[in-house]
Every structure is written in structure tokens, then in C-alpha cells.
Protein backbone atom coordinates (compact mmCIF):
# COMPACT_ATOMS: atom_id res chain seq x y z
CA MET A 1 80.67 47.08 177.90
CA SER A 2 77.17 47.49 180.52
CA GLY A 3 74.67 49.58 180.15
CA LYS A 4 72.14 50.36 177.27
CA TYR A 5 74.37 49.82 174.65
CA SER A 6 75.88 46.25 175.48
CA ASN A 7 73.88 44.32 172.82
CA LEU A 8 75.54 46.05 170.52
CA PHE A 9 78.39 44.82 171.00
CA LYS A 10 77.91 40.41 171.08
CA SER A 11 77.79 38.50 168.32
CA PHE A 12 75.12 37.58 166.30
CA THR A 13 74.38 34.61 164.02
CA PHE A 14 72.28 34.53 161.41
CA LYS A 15 70.14 31.54 160.35
CA ASN A 16 72.22 30.99 157.28
CA GLY A 17 74.97 30.46 159.64
CA ILE A 18 76.79 33.97 159.08
CA THR A 19 78.22 35.14 162.30
CA LEU A 20 78.86 39.24 162.71
CA ASN A 21 81.15 39.87 165.72
CA ASN A 22 79.37 42.93 166.58
CA ARG A 23 76.33 44.16 165.67
CA VAL A 24 77.56 47.33 164.71
CA VAL A 25 77.25 47.69 160.80
CA MET A 26 76.96 49.88 157.93
CA ALA A 27 74.50 49.28 154.97
CA PRO A 28 76.25 49.04 151.64
CA MET A 29 76.73 52.17 149.69
CA THR A 30 76.69 52.45 145.39
CA THR A 31 79.64 53.99 143.76
CA TRP A 32 77.79 53.24 140.21
CA SER A 33 75.56 55.77 140.37
CA SER A 34 76.92 58.24 138.40
CA ASN A 35 77.37 59.11 135.13
CA ASP A 36 81.02 58.87 132.79
CA ASP A 37 81.98 62.47 134.65
CA HIS A 38 81.34 61.46 138.35
CA GLY A 39 77.94 63.24 137.85
CA PHE A 40 74.26 62.67 139.26
CA ARG A 41 71.19 63.16 136.78
């Protein structure tokens, strides 16, 4: 891919050695924040 967003698809290595295959990631989401009846406060 070429153009404005081509860097999103290049690998990235953090200082601690973990490498991502691309830079498209999903933020962590929680499923543990609801009550026992699956409702929110």
C-alpha cells in the first residue's frame, strides 16, 4: 500500500522487544464492569 496511511501497515517494535505486525490495534475493553444481572450502575 502506498500513500498517506502506508505506515499503519508496517511492523513496529517496542523498546521491550515486543513487535506488532502492523500498527492497527484495538484498545482493551472490559467485560467485568457490569453487575451480576449484566446491568451497569
